[in-house]
Amino acid sequence: MLRHNLLRSVISVLAARVILAAFFLSASTSVAATTVQPGTDTLRVAIAQAAPGETLTLAAGHYGPAVVDKSLTLEGSPAAIIDGAGRGSALLITAPNVTVRGLTCTGSGTTDGNLDSGILVLKSASGAVIENNQITGNLYGIAIQGPPRVVVQNNTIVNRNDLRLNERGNGINIWNTTGSLFANNRITGGRDGIFINTAHGNSIRGNHIKDLRFAIHYMYANHNEVTDNISVGNAVGYALMYSTHLKIFGNISFHDRDHGLMFHSSHYSELANNLVQNTQGKCAFVYTSSHNTYHNNYFEGCEIGLHFTGGSEKNELYGNAFIHNRTQVKYSGMVHYEWSKGGRGNYWSDNPAFDLDGDGIADVAYHLNNLMDQVLWSYPLAKLLISSPVMETLRYAQSQFPALSPGGVVDSWPLMTPPPRPVALPPELQTGPSRTEHST
């Protein structure tokens, strides 16, 4: 009987604890969401009064700037507008695990040294999530200053263009973060789309960047991935500089001005399945970059397919397609480079080769640079003599005496047909003008 009563007492205590826990859980749930009404100070007051973990839902209307110094969720609709009123950042995040979702942030100041932004995330704000927002009319769109494990995705960022170029900010400015994701953002206006500096081990994926200086600008950022992004109408699509161990996969550069891809002083990286099309200047420019692998890329319809110089040695290039570029490859040094691997080279649309054994590989090697190219690149005015007896003599001499051949690219196993296109242009870009019709 005593044992039976003791068991009943234990069960009663446990039941009471369960009921008490359920009560407190219900109570915490009932206060976990608060609706905030518009006003100059209402958001700041709501943040001050909120408990960590609470969700603040912003009703449609205008709000003054605020500092989020607790682990909160701010959400609403684009009609809920946080306005910086021309000073500092519209929203400053200093606490970890803050989420900002579905809002409009605008009206930052114009002090570059302070990174005046639509949303500024400081080092103490690890785990921040910034998603589905409209970030418009700011100096910088979203600035990430040191916090790890940040997610910035599905935002539309339109920065100010009424300032001189060097006075403008970047769409997403990234510094000293790791393990972060920057995905599916649409960026226009300002200086560069995404600028990443001294930030390692991050992913930049699926962003659409248009009409800026550099779409994606890398400086001293290692072990990062840049995949499935689209650059349209920028001065440079992908400027990757002073970085190592990058994976550049499946990106598009379309109608960019100077370079689709610029690889400067960067090493031990892989660039594959990228499409660069109709660049007014160079599809790709490789400068002082070594030990990189370039394969299965499409370089199409540019003035120069690939320009490499400055000691860019020990790189592997195979399986790429060079299609209808006015000059397929420009190299003005005296070293010979072999561009093939394992009996597989690249496709050259201007290679008048035969394949008598039908193995898909041309029967003779393809030499991209001849003595005439060297003369014309070194002395551009020599183009005036292109049809002169002197130039004809140079052509004949090189054909008869191969030892006169300068250094340059040799593809010993050129492909007879191009590999499949690595990525397709989005439908909205497929109707644009093309420059692939000019002869090489």
Foldseek 3Di string as FASTA:
>chain_A
DVVVVVVVVVVVVVVVVVVVVVVVVVVCVVQQEEEFEADACRVQVCLVPDDANHEYEYDFDEYEAYENAGQYEYEYAQSYEQAPQQEAESYEYQAANYEYAHYEFEHWHQDVVRVHESYEYEQNHAQYEYENYEQEATQEYYEYHRHEAYEAEHYEFAYDPPDPQVSGYEHYEEENYANYEHEHYEYEYTAEHYEYEHYEHYEYYHYEYEDHAEPYAYYAYEHYEYANYEYEAYQEYHHHECYEAYEYAHYEYEQHEAEPEEAYLYEHYEHALYEYFQYAHEPYEYENYEHYEYAHYEQFQYCEDYEYEHPHDHYEAFQYEQAQHVQDYDYQAQAADEHYPPLTHAAYNPDPFDDVVPPQWGPAKDFRDFPVSNCCVVPVVCVVCCPPPVVVVRVVVCVVPVVRGGHDYIYGTYGPDHDPNSDDDPPVPPPDDHNSPDHD
